[in-house]
């Protein structure tokens, strides 16, 4: 598996915010940096001191552990399939906005229109001052709505920003952060709620393909999190940043993959009680009307959630296989199954935990999410707002909260964006009819106490020993490591860096002693500008004992077919 030891892939740059590299402009001018190249065996390790350029900026997904070494034989049953799947394209008729009396909410709740005639109202955000903002992808802008004493929009919307593909929005301290398909922008928020000049922090998010929804949030640790969906329904992505949740520093200068195997993660938020991150991932299409379920996942650092090879409770996707002969059963030992599933093809969108002080206390710490609705299920699913109940920090069930948009005659709207207003009401958008709805509580149950966002700690500087200096690296054995591409003490040529061709460097090493089971090759950087040192730029492991060379330009994948058996 030529994939990141923890965060980065072989010959790909690592910019984990916990292992950040130098800021982009500075890195390009920085002198060559020293690194250790470690060749490790089951019982011996050896090192050669070499010199290399600092890494470039993109990370790749970490995996919890290497897959077991199982090379399938010809005719492996896991790589065959004979499955009949029945699918439908069912697009309900698009009807005008419904009468409010048609929309159903639980007893004691009231639904009304907050604002209308807003165009393609996608995602929502509420500023610390209480102003409401929507992104409009089709109109390529952001609108601000001020809120009156009655909780309704006061006055017409005001355009406060405009960029093509505008979608994600969040606030952090006194700035707004905006995400398009490829870029992340920030701007100061003025006293009147308008934005100052936009500053571009990132301009190279991965390509979008069929999923051009970017969601951006700040976590309790003060880091920026961006959902970068897959380019396809199911495929082996060439860019490891697709189908992931990225984690970035607030200035956007360093980033890494926080979690991988997430097909299209639009809605995610942190539980205000535990601080845990939860999100709902869009399931794979064309596995049937009832497969796959929309996944509620407990999203944790360095974990993989199965896509595209596994789905739901780690069921095997019959169509697509892992590369390099890796079996799905092996992959399942690394992948995290969903925590709960919802009706297939419902299309989960923006999600938020309830932290307001208006709803009954029993809803405190539950989450709400918009289900925009299916186009390929019979009967259709979604077109609703759903409550996700939590007990002791764990999800226990789904309950429809706002319904009535879907009828036998067609659909009256597509819920999309969702946020909690400053007064504790729940706001959500209908992105087809351009409406923001407001759900408030006027019942007899005692309201809960407003909850503060979960608090976390920003990463602190940590310095660990180099791999060769760690207790696990102590050995009396020795390997001789050479490269035809450069001499000992010379800089690694630029083509082996992310600044140029991003190819892996060719290496040769002497054979290990009798009994050697495998080799591992690790590149450590002891003096990068980073929160945690050393930075491990790339690793190859499970290198067979009869392999003593790594050619130039190896593939970057979970398991390689050339050289065979190499991870």
Protein backbone atom coordinates (compact mmCIF):
# COMPACT_ATOMS: atom_id res chain seq x y z
CA UNK A 1 0.00 0.00 0.00
CA UNK A 2 1.79 3.11 -1.17
CA UNK A 3 -0.33 5.36 0.90
CA UNK A 4 0.35 7.69 3.68
CA UNK A 5 1.85 6.34 6.80
CA UNK A 6 -0.59 8.44 8.61
CA UNK A 7 -1.49 11.37 6.46
CA UNK A 8 0.30 11.44 3.12
CA UNK A 9 0.81 9.28 0.09
CA UNK A 10 4.13 8.30 -1.45
CA UNK A 11 5.54 11.21 -3.44
CA UNK A 12 2.51 13.31 -2.56
CA UNK A 13 2.90 16.37 -0.39
CA UNK A 14 1.69 16.34 3.21
CA UNK A 15 0.09 19.37 4.74
CA UNK A 16 -1.67 17.96 7.77
CA UNK A 17 -2.45 20.85 10.11
CA UNK A 18 -1.01 18.65 12.85
CA UNK A 19 2.05 18.15 10.62
CA UNK A 20 2.02 21.35 8.59
CA UNK A 21 4.69 22.15 6.07
CA UNK A 22 5.95 25.64 5.43
CA UNK A 23 3.53 28.32 4.26
CA UNK A 24 3.14 28.20 0.49
CA UNK A 25 5.07 31.36 -0.49
CA UNK A 26 7.85 30.62 1.99
CA UNK A 27 8.18 26.96 1.06
CA UNK A 28 8.97 27.82 -2.52
CA UNK A 29 11.96 29.88 -1.40
CA UNK A 30 13.08 27.66 1.46
CA UNK A 31 16.49 25.99 1.22
CA UNK A 32 16.71 22.23 0.84
CA UNK A 33 15.68 20.40 3.98
CA UNK A 34 17.31 17.36 5.54
CA UNK A 35 15.36 14.16 5.83
CA UNK A 36 16.01 10.64 7.02
CA UNK A 37 15.32 7.78 4.67
CA UNK A 38 14.63 4.70 6.76
CA UNK A 39 14.49 1.15 5.46
CA UNK A 40 12.92 -1.00 8.13
CA UNK A 41 12.70 -4.76 8.58
CA UNK A 42 10.85 -6.94 11.01
CA UNK A 43 13.96 -7.06 13.17
CA UNK A 44 16.45 -4.56 11.76
CA UNK A 45 16.52 -0.96 10.58
CA UNK A 46 19.11 1.08 8.72
CA UNK A 47 19.24 4.69 7.59
CA UNK A 48 20.96 6.83 5.01
CA UNK A 49 21.12 10.59 5.36
CA UNK A 50 19.85 12.35 2.24
CA UNK A 51 18.62 15.79 1.30
CA UNK A 52 15.27 16.69 -0.22
CA UNK A 53 13.09 19.66 -1.01
CA UNK A 54 10.23 20.39 1.37
CA UNK A 55 6.96 18.73 0.38
CA UNK A 56 4.19 20.41 -1.52
CA UNK A 57 0.82 21.08 -0.14
CA UNK A 58 -1.72 18.32 -0.72
CA UNK A 59 -2.39 15.52 1.74
CA UNK A 60 -3.79 12.05 1.18
CA UNK A 61 -5.96 9.85 3.33
CA UNK A 62 -4.59 8.10 6.35
CA UNK A 63 -5.76 4.59 7.11
CA UNK A 64 -6.06 3.14 10.62
CA UNK A 65 -3.80 0.21 9.82
CA UNK A 66 -2.43 -1.71 6.88
CA UNK A 67 -4.66 -4.32 5.33
CA UNK A 68 -3.70 -7.95 5.91
CA UNK A 69 -1.48 -9.37 3.21
CA UNK A 70 -3.91 -11.50 1.21
CA UNK A 71 -3.26 -11.88 -2.50
CA UNK A 72 -6.38 -13.35 -4.15
CA UNK A 73 -6.03 -16.34 -6.42
CA UNK A 74 -7.55 -16.46 -9.88
CA UNK A 75 -11.31 -16.70 -9.67
CA UNK A 76 -11.54 -15.17 -6.17
CA UNK A 77 -15.25 -15.21 -5.23
CA UNK A 78 -14.96 -11.69 -3.83
CA UNK A 79 -14.13 -10.35 -7.29
CA UNK A 80 -17.11 -11.90 -9.05
CA UNK A 81 -20.75 -10.83 -9.05
CA UNK A 82 -24.07 -11.94 -10.48
CA UNK A 83 -26.62 -9.51 -9.06
CA UNK A 84 -29.87 -8.26 -10.56
CA UNK A 85 -30.59 -4.67 -9.58
CA UNK A 86 -33.80 -2.84 -10.39
CA UNK A 87 -33.60 0.94 -10.52
CA UNK A 88 -36.02 3.71 -11.36
CA UNK A 89 -35.83 7.32 -12.42
CA UNK A 90 -38.78 8.99 -10.70
CA UNK A 91 -38.83 12.78 -10.73
CA UNK A 92 -41.96 14.07 -8.98
CA UNK A 93 -43.76 16.95 -10.66
CA UNK A 94 -42.50 20.37 -9.56
CA UNK A 95 -45.40 22.20 -7.91
CA UNK A 96 -45.73 25.76 -6.54
CA UNK A 97 -44.86 26.41 -2.88
CA UNK A 98 -47.36 24.73 -0.57
CA UNK A 99 -49.87 26.41 1.68
CA UNK A 100 -48.44 26.54 5.20
CA UNK A 101 -51.39 24.45 6.38
CA UNK A 102 -50.13 21.60 4.17
CA UNK A 103 -46.78 21.40 6.00
CA UNK A 104 -46.80 19.25 9.11
CA UNK A 105 -44.70 19.82 12.24
CA UNK A 106 -44.93 18.20 15.72
CA UNK A 107 -47.52 19.43 18.20
CA UNK A 108 -46.63 22.76 19.77
CA UNK A 109 -44.49 23.85 16.82
CA UNK A 110 -45.36 26.46 14.22
CA UNK A 111 -44.01 26.85 10.67
CA UNK A 112 -44.05 30.11 8.71
CA UNK A 113 -42.18 31.76 5.88
CA UNK A 114 -39.14 33.73 7.00
CA UNK A 115 -38.43 35.11 3.52
CA UNK A 116 -39.39 34.33 -0.09
CA UNK A 117 -38.39 35.05 -3.69
CA UNK A 118 -34.75 34.28 -2.94
CA UNK A 119 -33.80 32.23 -6.01
CA UNK A 120 -31.55 29.19 -5.57
CA UNK A 121 -31.29 29.44 -1.77
CA UNK A 122 -28.81 26.69 -0.89
CA UNK A 123 -26.93 26.75 2.41
CA UNK A 124 -27.63 28.85 5.51
CA UNK A 125 -25.46 30.49 8.15
CA UNK A 126 -26.27 32.75 11.08
CA UNK A 127 -23.64 35.27 12.17
CA UNK A 128 -22.81 35.97 15.82
CA UNK A 129 -24.85 39.18 15.45
CA UNK A 130 -27.87 37.14 14.35
CA UNK A 131 -27.99 38.11 10.68
CA UNK A 132 -29.07 35.31 8.31
CA UNK A 133 -27.08 34.50 5.17
CA UNK A 134 -27.78 32.22 2.23
CA UNK A 135 -25.52 31.08 -0.58
CA UNK A 136 -26.99 30.87 -4.05
CA UNK A 137 -25.07 28.62 -6.40
CA UNK A 138 -27.05 29.47 -9.53
CA UNK A 139 -26.86 33.21 -8.89
CA UNK A 140 -23.21 32.90 -7.72
CA UNK A 141 -23.62 35.09 -4.65
CA UNK A 142 -24.37 35.44 -0.93
CA UNK A 143 -27.42 37.28 0.41
CA UNK A 144 -27.81 38.76 3.89
CA UNK A 145 -31.16 39.14 5.64
CA UNK A 146 -31.55 41.14 8.83
CA UNK A 147 -33.94 39.78 11.45
CA UNK A 148 -36.71 41.80 13.06
CA UNK A 149 -38.03 41.58 16.61
CA UNK A 150 -40.70 39.12 15.46
CA UNK A 151 -38.08 36.69 14.18
CA UNK A 152 -38.95 37.40 10.54
CA UNK A 153 -36.73 38.89 7.86
CA UNK A 154 -36.68 42.67 8.16
CA UNK A 155 -36.33 44.31 4.79
CA UNK A 156 -35.12 43.01 1.43
CA UNK A 157 -32.01 40.81 1.10
CA UNK A 158 -28.64 42.44 0.50
CA UNK A 159 -25.97 40.92 -1.74
CA UNK A 160 -22.75 40.82 0.29
CA UNK A 161 -20.46 38.65 -1.87
CA UNK A 162 -20.36 37.15 -5.34
CA UNK A 163 -18.18 34.43 -6.82
CA UNK A 164 -18.98 31.62 -9.30
CA UNK A 165 -19.98 28.35 -7.65
CA UNK A 166 -20.66 29.87 -4.22
CA UNK A 167 -21.90 27.23 -1.81
CA UNK A 168 -20.28 26.73 1.61
CA UNK A 169 -20.47 29.43 4.30
CA UNK A 170 -19.57 29.73 7.98
CA UNK A 171 -18.43 32.32 10.52
CA UNK A 172 -15.36 32.16 12.72
CA UNK A 173 -14.49 34.95 15.12
CA UNK A 174 -15.01 38.20 13.17
CA UNK A 175 -14.65 36.71 9.68
CA UNK A 176 -16.84 34.88 7.20
CA UNK A 177 -15.49 31.91 5.23
CA UNK A 178 -16.90 30.96 1.83
CA UNK A 179 -16.31 27.89 -0.34
CA UNK A 180 -16.74 27.49 -4.08
CA UNK A 181 -15.84 24.39 -6.08
CA UNK A 182 -12.10 25.15 -6.12
CA UNK A 183 -11.61 28.11 -3.78
CA UNK A 184 -11.95 29.18 -0.17
CA UNK A 185 -12.38 32.88 0.57
CA UNK A 186 -12.50 34.91 3.75
CA UNK A 187 -13.53 38.46 4.57
CA UNK A 188 -14.00 40.57 7.69
CA UNK A 189 -17.61 41.07 8.76
CA UNK A 190 -18.46 44.72 9.12
CA UNK A 191 -20.65 46.11 11.88
CA UNK A 192 -23.65 46.33 9.56
CA UNK A 193 -23.27 42.67 8.56
CA UNK A 194 -21.79 43.30 5.15
CA UNK A 195 -18.45 41.78 4.17
CA UNK A 196 -15.14 43.46 3.53
CA UNK A 197 -12.97 42.61 0.53
CA UNK A 198 -12.69 38.89 -0.19
CA UNK A 199 -9.29 37.30 0.29
CA UNK A 200 -8.65 33.97 -1.42
CA UNK A 201 -7.04 31.47 0.96
CA UNK A 202 -7.16 28.34 -1.23
CA UNK A 203 -7.50 27.98 -5.00
CA UNK A 204 -6.84 24.29 -5.59
CA UNK A 205 -9.53 22.21 -3.94
CA UNK A 206 -10.00 18.96 -5.89
CA UNK A 207 -12.16 18.85 -8.99
CA UNK A 208 -15.86 18.42 -8.39
CA UNK A 209 -17.19 16.30 -11.24
CA UNK A 210 -20.81 15.46 -10.54
CA UNK A 211 -20.67 16.63 -6.90
CA UNK A 212 -19.87 20.35 -6.76
CA UNK A 213 -21.16 20.99 -3.23
CA UNK A 214 -18.50 22.26 -0.85
CA UNK A 215 -19.44 22.64 2.82
CA UNK A 216 -17.21 24.57 5.20
CA UNK A 217 -17.26 24.64 9.03
CA UNK A 218 -14.94 25.48 11.90
CA UNK A 219 -14.45 22.84 14.57
CA UNK A 220 -13.96 23.15 18.33
CA UNK A 221 -10.21 23.01 17.70
CA UNK A 222 -10.29 26.24 15.69
CA UNK A 223 -9.48 24.36 12.48
CA UNK A 224 -11.37 24.64 9.21
CA UNK A 225 -13.18 21.56 7.85
CA UNK A 226 -14.24 21.28 4.19
CA UNK A 227 -16.27 18.49 2.63
CA UNK A 228 -14.86 17.56 -0.80
CA UNK A 229 -17.12 15.04 -2.47
CA UNK A 230 -16.33 12.39 -5.05
CA UNK A 231 -16.32 13.24 -8.75
CA UNK A 232 -18.45 10.21 -9.56
CA UNK A 233 -21.07 7.79 -8.30
CA UNK A 234 -18.46 5.05 -7.72
CA UNK A 235 -14.89 4.99 -8.98
CA UNK A 236 -11.24 4.79 -7.97
CA UNK A 237 -10.52 8.49 -7.56
CA UNK A 238 -7.17 9.62 -8.99
CA UNK A 239 -7.06 12.53 -6.55
CA UNK A 240 -6.93 11.28 -2.95
CA UNK A 241 -8.55 14.51 -1.70
CA UNK A 242 -11.84 13.61 -3.37
CA UNK A 243 -14.48 11.84 -1.26
CA UNK A 244 -12.95 13.22 1.93
CA UNK A 245 -13.31 15.70 4.74
CA UNK A 246 -10.32 18.05 4.66
CA UNK A 247 -8.91 19.79 7.73
CA UNK A 248 -7.12 23.11 7.27
CA UNK A 249 -5.53 25.80 9.34
CA UNK A 250 -7.60 28.98 9.48
CA UNK A 251 -5.27 30.70 7.01
CA UNK A 252 -5.63 27.83 4.53
CA UNK A 253 -1.88 27.38 4.23
CA UNK A 254 -1.73 23.78 5.43
CA UNK A 255 -4.22 20.99 5.04
CA UNK A 256 -4.65 17.25 5.28
CA UNK A 257 -7.32 14.64 4.87
CA UNK A 258 -9.17 14.25 8.15
CA UNK A 259 -11.36 11.34 7.03
CA UNK A 260 -11.76 9.47 3.73
CA UNK A 261 -14.22 7.19 1.94
CA UNK A 262 -17.04 9.76 2.17
CA UNK A 263 -18.87 9.93 -1.17
CA UNK A 264 -20.64 13.27 -0.69
CA UNK A 265 -20.52 14.71 2.82
CA UNK A 266 -22.57 17.92 2.80
CA UNK A 267 -24.03 17.93 6.31
CA UNK A 268 -21.80 17.62 9.38
CA UNK A 269 -21.61 19.17 12.85
CA UNK A 270 -20.13 18.66 16.31
CA UNK A 271 -22.23 17.26 19.14
CA UNK A 272 -22.42 20.11 21.72
CA UNK A 273 -22.35 17.64 24.61
CA UNK A 274 -19.43 15.42 23.62
CA UNK A 275 -17.64 17.43 20.93
CA UNK A 276 -17.76 14.42 18.59
CA UNK A 277 -18.15 15.04 14.87
CA UNK A 278 -21.16 13.52 13.08
CA UNK A 279 -22.17 13.75 9.45
CA UNK A 280 -24.49 12.23 6.85
CA UNK A 281 -23.05 10.88 3.63
CA UNK A 282 -24.95 10.43 0.36
CA UNK A 283 -25.19 6.79 -0.61
CA UNK A 284 -24.22 5.19 -3.92
CA UNK A 285 -26.80 5.31 -6.71
CA UNK A 286 -28.03 2.37 -8.78
CA UNK A 287 -27.80 -0.35 -6.15
CA UNK A 288 -31.60 -0.53 -6.04
CA UNK A 289 -34.53 1.45 -4.68
CA UNK A 290 -33.67 0.56 -1.09
CA UNK A 291 -29.87 0.47 -1.33
CA UNK A 292 -27.76 2.05 -0.21
CA UNK A 293 -29.04 3.81 2.92
CA UNK A 294 -28.02 7.38 3.57
CA UNK A 295 -25.27 7.02 6.17
CA UNK A 296 -24.98 8.71 9.54
CA UNK A 297 -21.30 8.44 10.45
CA UNK A 298 -19.28 9.19 13.56
CA UNK A 299 -16.44 10.94 11.75
CA UNK A 300 -13.04 10.44 13.33
CA UNK A 301 -9.55 11.44 12.32
CA UNK A 302 -7.63 9.13 9.99
CA UNK A 303 -10.56 6.77 9.46
CA UNK A 304 -11.95 5.46 6.18
CA UNK A 305 -15.71 5.01 5.68
CA UNK A 306 -15.69 2.48 2.86
CA UNK A 307 -16.69 4.28 -0.33
CA UNK A 308 -16.56 3.17 -3.12
CA UNK A 309 -15.94 -0.49 -2.21
CA UNK A 310 -18.18 -0.79 0.85
CA UNK A 311 -21.37 0.90 1.98
CA UNK A 312 -23.75 1.02 4.93
CA UNK A 313 -22.77 -1.56 7.52
CA UNK A 314 -19.73 -2.43 5.37
CA UNK A 315 -21.74 -4.30 2.75
CA UNK A 316 -19.73 -5.00 -0.40
CA UNK A 317 -20.44 -2.96 -3.51
CA UNK A 318 -20.83 -5.71 -6.14
CA UNK A 319 -19.64 -3.55 -9.01
CA UNK A 320 -16.25 -2.07 -8.10
CA UNK A 321 -13.19 -3.73 -6.56
CA UNK A 322 -10.21 -2.27 -4.69
CA UNK A 323 -7.03 -1.92 -6.76
CA UNK A 324 -3.98 -4.17 -6.69
CA UNK A 325 -5.88 -7.33 -5.81
CA UNK A 326 -6.94 -6.05 -2.38
CA UNK A 327 -10.02 -7.94 -1.21
CA UNK A 328 -13.16 -6.21 0.08
CA UNK A 329 -13.05 -8.39 3.18
CA UNK A 330 -9.58 -6.98 3.90
CA UNK A 331 -10.79 -3.47 3.24
CA UNK A 332 -13.71 -4.03 5.64
CA UNK A 333 -11.22 -4.58 8.47
CA UNK A 334 -10.03 -1.01 7.97
CA UNK A 335 -13.32 0.72 7.11
CA UNK A 336 -15.79 2.16 9.63
CA UNK A 337 -19.42 1.04 9.14
CA UNK A 338 -22.23 3.58 9.42
CA UNK A 339 -23.73 4.27 12.83
CA UNK A 340 -27.29 4.44 11.47
CA UNK A 341 -28.93 4.51 8.07
CA UNK A 342 -31.86 6.47 6.62
CA UNK A 343 -34.09 5.78 3.63
CA UNK A 344 -32.02 5.35 0.47
CA UNK A 345 -31.70 8.26 -1.98
CA UNK A 346 -33.24 10.82 0.42
CA UNK A 347 -30.28 13.15 -0.30
CA UNK A 348 -29.07 14.52 3.06
CA UNK A 349 -27.96 18.15 2.94
CA UNK A 350 -27.11 20.71 5.65
CA UNK A 351 -27.13 19.46 9.25
CA UNK A 352 -26.98 21.20 12.64
CA UNK A 353 -27.20 20.17 16.27
CA UNK A 354 -29.84 22.08 18.20
CA UNK A 355 -28.20 24.41 20.72
CA UNK A 356 -30.91 27.08 21.00
CA UNK A 357 -33.08 27.93 23.98
CA UNK A 358 -36.55 27.87 22.39
CA UNK A 359 -37.36 24.20 21.71
CA UNK A 360 -38.29 21.78 24.51
CA UNK A 361 -35.39 20.54 26.59
CA UNK A 362 -35.82 17.00 25.26
CA UNK A 363 -34.58 18.23 21.87
CA UNK A 364 -31.41 19.79 23.27
CA UNK A 365 -28.40 18.10 21.71
CA UNK A 366 -30.41 16.43 18.95
CA UNK A 367 -29.54 17.15 15.33
CA UNK A 368 -31.68 18.26 12.40
CA UNK A 369 -30.97 17.68 8.73
CA UNK A 370 -32.64 18.52 5.42
CA UNK A 371 -33.43 15.67 3.04
CA UNK A 372 -33.62 17.31 -0.37
CA UNK A 373 -35.32 14.34 -2.00
CA UNK A 374 -34.69 11.54 -4.47
CA UNK A 375 -34.73 11.40 -8.26
CA UNK A 376 -33.99 7.68 -8.65
CA UNK A 377 -36.26 5.82 -6.23
CA UNK A 378 -39.76 4.39 -6.52
CA UNK A 379 -41.51 5.55 -4.44
CA UNK A 380 -39.65 8.84 -3.97
CA UNK A 381 -37.96 9.52 -0.62
CA UNK A 382 -36.86 12.61 1.26
CA UNK A 383 -38.37 16.08 0.69
CA UNK A 384 -38.46 16.66 4.45
CA UNK A 385 -36.58 17.86 7.52
CA UNK A 386 -35.55 15.04 9.85
CA UNK A 387 -34.65 14.99 13.54
CA UNK A 388 -31.78 12.75 14.67
CA UNK A 389 -32.23 11.84 18.34
CA UNK A 390 -29.15 11.42 20.53
CA UNK A 391 -28.86 9.87 23.98
CA UNK A 392 -25.64 10.03 25.97
CA UNK A 393 -23.84 11.26 22.89
CA UNK A 394 -25.01 8.40 20.65
CA UNK A 395 -27.66 8.46 17.88
CA UNK A 396 -30.75 6.41 18.64
CA UNK A 397 -33.21 7.18 15.86
CA UNK A 398 -34.55 9.29 13.00
CA UNK A 399 -37.93 11.08 13.13
CA UNK A 400 -39.50 13.20 10.36
CA UNK A 401 -39.82 16.73 11.72
CA UNK A 402 -41.21 18.79 8.81
CA UNK A 403 -43.20 16.94 6.15
CA UNK A 404 -45.81 17.73 3.51
CA UNK A 405 -43.57 18.74 0.63
CA UNK A 406 -44.04 15.35 -1.10
CA UNK A 407 -47.52 14.25 -2.16
CA UNK A 408 -48.90 11.83 -4.78
CA UNK A 409 -49.34 14.84 -7.05
CA UNK A 410 -45.66 15.84 -6.90
CA UNK A 411 -43.19 17.80 -4.77
CA UNK A 412 -43.81 21.29 -3.42
CA UNK A 413 -40.22 22.07 -2.51
CA UNK A 414 -36.76 20.67 -1.80
CA UNK A 415 -35.36 21.36 1.70
CA UNK A 416 -31.63 22.09 1.49
CA UNK A 417 -29.96 24.53 3.92
CA UNK A 418 -30.52 24.49 7.68
CA UNK A 419 -29.36 26.60 10.64
CA UNK A 420 -30.41 27.61 14.14
CA UNK A 421 -31.42 31.28 14.44
CA UNK A 422 -30.17 33.44 17.28
CA UNK A 423 -33.62 33.31 18.92
CA UNK A 424 -33.59 29.49 18.85
CA UNK A 425 -35.93 29.00 15.89
CA UNK A 426 -34.98 26.50 13.19
CA UNK A 427 -34.50 27.91 9.70
CA UNK A 428 -34.34 25.88 6.50
CA UNK A 429 -34.35 26.67 2.80
CA UNK A 430 -36.29 25.37 -0.17
CA UNK A 431 -33.72 25.82 -2.91
CA UNK A 432 -36.18 25.22 -5.75
CA UNK A 433 -38.80 27.80 -4.76
CA UNK A 434 -36.42 30.27 -3.10
CA UNK A 435 -37.99 30.25 0.37
CA UNK A 436 -36.60 30.24 3.90
CA UNK A 437 -38.98 28.63 6.41
CA UNK A 438 -38.94 29.30 10.15
CA UNK A 439 -40.00 26.68 12.71
CA UNK A 440 -40.65 28.01 16.21
CA UNK A 441 -42.07 26.52 19.40
CA UNK A 442 -45.14 27.90 21.18
CA UNK A 443 -46.16 24.84 23.19
CA UNK A 444 -46.35 24.26 26.93
CA UNK A 445 -43.15 22.26 27.44
CA UNK A 446 -40.33 24.03 29.23
CA UNK A 447 -37.62 25.16 26.82
CA UNK A 448 -34.09 23.98 27.21
CA UNK A 449 -31.16 26.14 28.21
CA UNK A 450 -29.09 27.42 25.28
CA UNK A 451 -25.99 25.31 24.79
CA UNK A 452 -22.55 26.69 24.08
CA UNK A 453 -20.61 25.22 21.17
CA UNK A 454 -18.22 22.45 22.21
CA UNK A 455 -14.82 23.69 23.28
CA UNK A 456 -11.65 22.06 22.10
CA UNK A 457 -7.96 22.71 22.16
CA UNK A 458 -5.93 23.91 19.24
CA UNK A 459 -3.04 21.61 18.33
CA UNK A 460 0.05 22.22 20.45
CA UNK A 461 3.68 21.89 19.31
CA UNK A 462 5.03 18.39 19.87
CA UNK A 463 8.47 17.06 19.04
CA UNK A 464 8.88 13.32 18.72
CA UNK A 465 12.09 11.45 17.98
CA UNK A 466 12.95 10.51 14.42
CA UNK A 467 11.90 6.99 13.50
CA UNK A 468 15.52 5.93 13.43
CA UNK A 469 16.01 7.32 16.95
CA UNK A 470 12.85 5.82 18.46
CA UNK A 471 12.99 2.67 20.62
CA UNK A 472 11.29 0.70 17.83
CA UNK A 473 14.07 1.73 15.48
CA UNK A 474 16.96 0.49 17.59
CA UNK A 475 18.89 -2.23 15.79
CA UNK A 476 22.33 -3.63 15.27
CA UNK A 477 21.61 -4.49 11.64
CA UNK A 478 22.46 -2.31 8.71
CA UNK A 479 21.16 -1.74 5.19
CA UNK A 480 22.84 0.19 2.40
CA UNK A 481 20.36 2.50 0.66
CA UNK A 482 21.21 4.21 -2.64
CA UNK A 483 19.43 5.97 -5.47
CA UNK A 484 20.39 6.25 -9.15
CA UNK A 485 18.73 9.68 -9.17
CA UNK A 486 21.09 11.50 -6.80
CA UNK A 487 24.16 11.01 -4.65
CA UNK A 488 24.36 10.96 -0.89
CA UNK A 489 24.24 14.53 0.32
CA UNK A 490 22.75 15.89 -2.90
CA UNK A 491 19.26 17.38 -3.08
CA UNK A 492 16.51 15.16 -4.42
CA UNK A 493 15.68 16.41 -7.95
CA UNK A 494 12.60 18.61 -8.22
CA UNK A 495 10.70 16.10 -10.36
CA UNK A 496 10.34 13.89 -7.28
CA UNK A 497 8.48 16.66 -5.44
CA UNK A 498 4.95 18.00 -5.62
CA UNK A 499 6.35 21.16 -7.18
CA UNK A 500 7.12 19.32 -10.38
CA UNK A 501 6.17 15.82 -11.60
CA UNK A 502 5.30 14.40 -8.18
CA UNK A 503 6.96 11.07 -9.03
CA UNK A 504 8.33 8.69 -6.41
CA UNK A 505 12.10 8.58 -6.14
CA UNK A 506 13.92 5.42 -7.33
CA UNK A 507 15.70 3.53 -4.54
CA UNK A 508 17.85 0.43 -4.12
CA UNK A 509 18.81 -1.27 -0.87
CA UNK A 510 20.84 -4.25 0.23
CA UNK A 511 19.02 -7.42 1.22
CA UNK A 512 18.18 -7.93 4.86
CA UNK A 513 19.48 -10.82 6.96
CA UNK A 514 17.93 -14.28 7.01
CA UNK A 515 14.44 -14.20 8.47
CA UNK A 516 13.55 -10.77 7.16
CA UNK A 517 9.78 -10.67 6.66
CA UNK A 518 9.28 -7.27 5.00
CA UNK A 519 10.71 -3.79 4.56
CA UNK A 520 9.28 -0.37 5.28
CA UNK A 521 10.59 2.86 3.78
CA UNK A 522 9.96 6.04 5.71
CA UNK A 523 10.96 9.63 4.94
CA UNK A 524 11.25 11.85 8.03
CA UNK A 525 11.80 15.62 8.14
CA UNK A 526 13.17 16.75 11.53
CA UNK A 527 13.18 20.51 11.06
CA UNK A 528 10.08 21.52 9.11
CA UNK A 529 7.95 24.36 10.39
CA UNK A 530 5.26 22.21 11.98
CA UNK A 531 3.17 21.75 15.10
CA UNK A 532 4.37 18.18 15.37
CA UNK A 533 7.85 17.04 14.44
CA UNK A 534 9.19 15.17 12.68
CA UNK A 535 7.01 15.36 9.59
CA UNK A 536 6.81 11.99 7.82
CA UNK A 537 6.47 12.84 4.17
CA UNK A 538 5.81 9.38 2.74
CA UNK A 539 6.03 5.71 3.52
CA UNK A 540 5.86 2.34 1.80
CA UNK A 541 5.33 -0.75 3.89
CA UNK A 542 4.71 -4.46 3.54
CA UNK A 543 7.52 -4.43 0.97
CA UNK A 544 8.23 -8.16 0.32
CA UNK A 545 11.62 -9.47 1.52
CA UNK A 546 12.64 -10.42 -2.02
CA UNK A 547 12.13 -6.83 -3.20
CA UNK A 548 15.19 -4.60 -2.88
CA UNK A 549 14.31 -1.83 -5.30
CA UNK A 550 11.59 0.75 -5.80
CA UNK A 551 11.40 2.13 -9.30
CA UNK A 552 10.69 5.70 -10.25
CA UNK A 553 7.06 6.81 -10.49
CA UNK A 554 5.22 4.17 -8.48
CA UNK A 555 1.45 4.25 -8.42
CA UNK A 556 -0.24 5.83 -5.40
CA UNK A 557 -2.81 3.38 -4.15
CA UNK A 558 -3.88 1.15 -1.29
CA UNK A 559 -2.04 -1.79 -2.84
CA UNK A 560 0.23 -1.98 -5.85
CA UNK A 561 0.19 -4.44 -8.72
CA UNK A 562 3.69 -3.33 -9.79
CA UNK A 563 5.68 -4.26 -7.82
CA UNK A 564 3.35 -7.06 -6.82
CA UNK A 565 2.32 -7.40 -3.17
CA UNK A 566 3.67 -3.99 -2.18
CA UNK A 567 1.54 -1.77 0.08
